[in-house]
Amino acid sequence: MDDTFLRRRIQRKLDALPDEKLYQVLDYIEFLEERYGEEPERPDTMQRFAEGIQDRLRARRMAPWALKGVMGALSVVDRAVGTAAKTARGLAEEIEKVGRKEKGPDDGDDSGERSTKIVVD
């Protein structure tokens, strides 16, 4: 669906609803998706994990305010994991760059032999 105005309208309506009603909307959307929808995009691992927890807590009839708190905490964890992964990727790239600089142009030979200069005075 590429109707930006409709998406904004739906978002505005959702923003006006209390949390407990949002779960009713989610249930209805999932019903419509099963009945009429195409296969949805598969969420990433963290999203699937959070949705699983959310579904289990809803099944236990957890209060919406408490559920919101748990999901907020998971959001913080998700951001922290994302930041840590980004930092680790950056660090790995820097280590790779340093390794290439130290190797130098004469070190491309994989024969395992190194040349040695002998200086006689």
C-alpha atoms as a PDB file:
ATOM      1  CA  MET A   1       0.000   0.000   0.000  1.00  0.00           C
ATOM      2  CA  ASP A   2       1.451   3.329  -1.012  1.00  0.00           C
ATOM      3  CA  ASP A   3      -1.279   5.648   0.250  1.00  0.00           C
ATOM      4  CA  THR A   4       0.686   7.967   2.535  1.00  0.00           C
ATOM      5  CA  PHE A   5      -2.361   9.982   3.539  1.00  0.00           C
ATOM      6  CA  LEU A   6      -4.290   6.874   4.560  1.00  0.00           C
ATOM      7  CA  ARG A   7      -1.320   5.632   6.613  1.00  0.00           C
ATOM      8  CA  ARG A   8      -1.074   8.989   8.387  1.00  0.00           C
ATOM      9  CA  ARG A   9      -4.815   8.996   9.047  1.00  0.00           C
ATOM     10  CA  ILE A  10      -4.665   5.503  10.529  1.00  0.00           C
ATOM     11  CA  GLN A  11      -1.637   6.450  12.643  1.00  0.00           C
ATOM     12  CA  ARG A  12      -3.453   9.552  13.942  1.00  0.00           C
ATOM     13  CA  LYS A  13      -6.456   7.410  14.930  1.00  0.00           C
ATOM     14  CA  LEU A  14      -4.203   4.867  16.638  1.00  0.00           C
ATOM     15  CA  ASP A  15      -2.384   7.583  18.559  1.00  0.00           C
ATOM     16  CA  ALA A  16      -5.728   8.727  19.989  1.00  0.00           C
ATOM     17  CA  LEU A  17      -6.645   5.303  21.404  1.00  0.00           C
ATOM     18  CA  PRO A  18      -5.748   4.053  24.898  1.00  0.00           C
ATOM     19  CA  ASP A  19      -3.334   1.103  25.075  1.00  0.00           C
ATOM     20  CA  GLU A  20      -5.976  -1.514  25.906  1.00  0.00           C
ATOM     21  CA  LYS A  21      -7.895  -0.590  22.740  1.00  0.00           C
ATOM     22  CA  LEU A  22      -4.731  -0.811  20.651  1.00  0.00           C
ATOM     23  CA  TYR A  23      -4.554  -4.511  21.449  1.00  0.00           C
ATOM     24  CA  GLN A  24      -8.087  -4.934  20.136  1.00  0.00           C
ATOM     25  CA  VAL A  25      -7.020  -3.150  16.959  1.00  0.00           C
ATOM     26  CA  LEU A  26      -3.984  -5.447  16.698  1.00  0.00           C
ATOM     27  CA  ASP A  27      -6.209  -8.511  17.067  1.00  0.00           C
ATOM     28  CA  TYR A  28      -8.483  -7.242  14.300  1.00  0.00           C
ATOM     29  CA  ILE A  29      -5.542  -6.455  12.007  1.00  0.00           C
ATOM     30  CA  GLU A  30      -4.153  -9.955  12.542  1.00  0.00           C
ATOM     31  CA  PHE A  31      -7.593 -11.395  11.740  1.00  0.00           C
ATOM     32  CA  LEU A  32      -7.755  -9.373   8.513  1.00  0.00           C
ATOM     33  CA  GLU A  33      -4.201 -10.363   7.661  1.00  0.00           C
ATOM     34  CA  GLU A  34      -5.011 -14.063   8.032  1.00  0.00           C
ATOM     35  CA  ARG A  35      -8.132 -13.735   5.958  1.00  0.00           C
ATOM     36  CA  TYR A  36      -7.141 -11.326   3.197  1.00  0.00           C
ATOM     37  CA  GLY A  37      -3.504 -10.418   3.517  1.00  0.00           C
ATOM     38  CA  GLU A  38      -0.383 -11.527   1.815  1.00  0.00           C
ATOM     39  CA  GLU A  39       2.535 -12.987   3.711  1.00  0.00           C
ATOM     40  CA  PRO A  40       3.851 -10.126   5.868  1.00  0.00           C
ATOM     41  CA  GLU A  41       7.505  -9.158   6.024  1.00  0.00           C
ATOM     42  CA  ARG A  42       9.304 -11.354   8.542  1.00  0.00           C
ATOM     43  CA  PRO A  43      10.428  -9.302  11.558  1.00  0.00           C
ATOM     44  CA  ASP A  44      14.000  -9.440  12.843  1.00  0.00           C
ATOM     45  CA  THR A  45      14.969 -11.643  15.780  1.00  0.00           C
ATOM     46  CA  MET A  46      14.541  -8.978  18.460  1.00  0.00           C
ATOM     47  CA  GLN A  47      11.105  -7.996  17.129  1.00  0.00           C
ATOM     48  CA  ARG A  48       9.962 -11.644  17.117  1.00  0.00           C
ATOM     49  CA  PHE A  49      11.277 -12.055  20.668  1.00  0.00           C
ATOM     50  CA  ALA A  50       9.447  -8.926  21.873  1.00  0.00           C
ATOM     51  CA  GLU A  51       6.217  -9.930  20.122  1.00  0.00           C
ATOM     52  CA  GLY A  52       6.387 -13.385  21.724  1.00  0.00           C
ATOM     53  CA  ILE A  53       6.763 -11.882  25.188  1.00  0.00           C
ATOM     54  CA  GLN A  54       3.986  -9.400  24.459  1.00  0.00           C
ATOM     55  CA  ASP A  55       1.630 -12.169  23.305  1.00  0.00           C
ATOM     56  CA  ARG A  56       2.357 -14.301  26.394  1.00  0.00           C
ATOM     57  CA  LEU A  57       1.784 -11.388  28.751  1.00  0.00           C
ATOM     58  CA  ARG A  58      -1.457 -10.482  26.975  1.00  0.00           C
ATOM     59  CA  ALA A  59      -2.618 -14.082  27.300  1.00  0.00           C
ATOM     60  CA  ARG A  60      -2.065 -13.760  31.064  1.00  0.00           C
ATOM     61  CA  ARG A  61      -4.214 -10.611  31.028  1.00  0.00           C
ATOM     62  CA  MET A  62      -1.443  -8.322  32.203  1.00  0.00           C
ATOM     63  CA  ALA A  63      -2.570  -4.731  32.738  1.00  0.00           C
ATOM     64  CA  PRO A  64      -1.862  -2.497  29.708  1.00  0.00           C
ATOM     65  CA  TRP A  65       0.251  -0.085  31.762  1.00  0.00           C
ATOM     66  CA  ALA A  66       2.454  -2.953  32.985  1.00  0.00           C
ATOM     67  CA  LEU A  67       2.715  -4.392  29.488  1.00  0.00           C
ATOM     68  CA  LYS A  68       3.740  -0.977  28.200  1.00  0.00           C
ATOM     69  CA  GLY A  69       6.508  -0.855  30.840  1.00  0.00           C
ATOM     70  CA  VAL A  70       7.859  -4.277  29.857  1.00  0.00           C
ATOM     71  CA  MET A  71       7.808  -3.368  26.170  1.00  0.00           C
ATOM     72  CA  GLY A  72       9.534  -0.062  26.942  1.00  0.00           C
ATOM     73  CA  ALA A  73      12.308  -1.932  28.733  1.00  0.00           C
ATOM     74  CA  LEU A  74      12.683  -4.262  25.730  1.00  0.00           C
ATOM     75  CA  SER A  75      12.964  -1.207  23.469  1.00  0.00           C
ATOM     76  CA  VAL A  76      15.866   0.067  25.572  1.00  0.00           C
ATOM     77  CA  VAL A  77      17.556  -3.335  25.300  1.00  0.00           C
ATOM     78  CA  ASP A  78      16.974  -3.365  21.530  1.00  0.00           C
ATOM     79  CA  ARG A  79      18.596   0.054  21.122  1.00  0.00           C
ATOM     80  CA  ALA A  80      21.531  -0.970  23.327  1.00  0.00           C
ATOM     81  CA  VAL A  81      22.106  -4.178  21.369  1.00  0.00           C
ATOM     82  CA  GLY A  82      21.898  -2.237  18.099  1.00  0.00           C
ATOM     83  CA  THR A  83      24.423   0.304  19.348  1.00  0.00           C
ATOM     84  CA  ALA A  84      26.762  -2.428  20.576  1.00  0.00           C
ATOM     85  CA  ALA A  85      26.552  -4.251  17.242  1.00  0.00           C
ATOM     86  CA  LYS A  86      27.248  -1.041  15.328  1.00  0.00           C
ATOM     87  CA  THR A  87      30.236  -0.299  17.581  1.00  0.00           C
ATOM     88  CA  ALA A  88      31.585  -3.834  17.135  1.00  0.00           C
ATOM     89  CA  ARG A  89      31.285  -3.572  13.334  1.00  0.00           C
ATOM     90  CA  GLY A  90      33.120  -0.229  13.400  1.00  0.00           C
ATOM     91  CA  LEU A  91      35.860  -1.663  15.601  1.00  0.00           C
ATOM     92  CA  ALA A  92      36.277  -4.675  13.307  1.00  0.00           C
ATOM     93  CA  GLU A  93      36.581  -2.353  10.288  1.00  0.00           C
ATOM     94  CA  GLU A  94      39.223  -0.250  12.073  1.00  0.00           C
ATOM     95  CA  ILE A  95      41.228  -3.351  13.034  1.00  0.00           C
ATOM     96  CA  GLU A  96      41.057  -4.524   9.427  1.00  0.00           C
ATOM     97  CA  LYS A  97      42.310  -1.124   8.177  1.00  0.00           C
ATOM     98  CA  VAL A  98      45.212  -1.133  10.640  1.00  0.00           C
ATOM     99  CA  GLY A  99      46.092  -4.680   9.593  1.00  0.00           C
ATOM    100  CA  ARG A 100      46.202  -3.667   5.932  1.00  0.00           C
ATOM    101  CA  LYS A 101      48.423  -0.650   6.694  1.00  0.00           C
ATOM    102  CA  GLU A 102      50.875  -2.745   8.745  1.00  0.00           C
ATOM    103  CA  LYS A 103      51.061  -5.427   6.090  1.00  0.00           C
ATOM    104  CA  GLY A 104      52.499  -3.036   3.517  1.00  0.00           C
ATOM    105  CA  PRO A 105      52.990  -3.520  -0.233  1.00  0.00           C
ATOM    106  CA  ASP A 106      55.890  -6.055  -0.009  1.00  0.00           C
ATOM    107  CA  ASP A 107      53.919  -8.339   2.308  1.00  0.00           C
ATOM    108  CA  GLY A 108      51.497  -9.485  -0.371  1.00  0.00           C
ATOM    109  CA  ASP A 109      53.617 -12.558  -1.076  1.00  0.00           C
ATOM    110  CA  ASP A 110      52.053 -15.577   0.616  1.00  0.00           C
ATOM    111  CA  SER A 111      55.109 -17.820   0.225  1.00  0.00           C
ATOM    112  CA  GLY A 112      56.016 -17.338   3.864  1.00  0.00           C
ATOM    113  CA  GLU A 113      59.543 -16.106   3.022  1.00  0.00           C
ATOM    114  CA  ARG A 114      60.732 -12.690   4.077  1.00  0.00           C
ATOM    115  CA  SER A 115      63.559 -10.778   2.461  1.00  0.00           C
ATOM    116  CA  THR A 116      66.339  -9.590   4.706  1.00  0.00           C
ATOM    117  CA  LYS A 117      68.701  -6.716   3.982  1.00  0.00           C
ATOM    118  CA  ILE A 118      72.237  -7.049   5.135  1.00  0.00           C
ATOM    119  CA  VAL A 119      74.067  -3.775   5.544  1.00  0.00           C
ATOM    120  CA  VAL A 120      77.887  -3.867   5.613  1.00  0.00           C
ATOM    121  CA  ASP A 121      79.810  -0.814   6.806  1.00  0.00           C
END
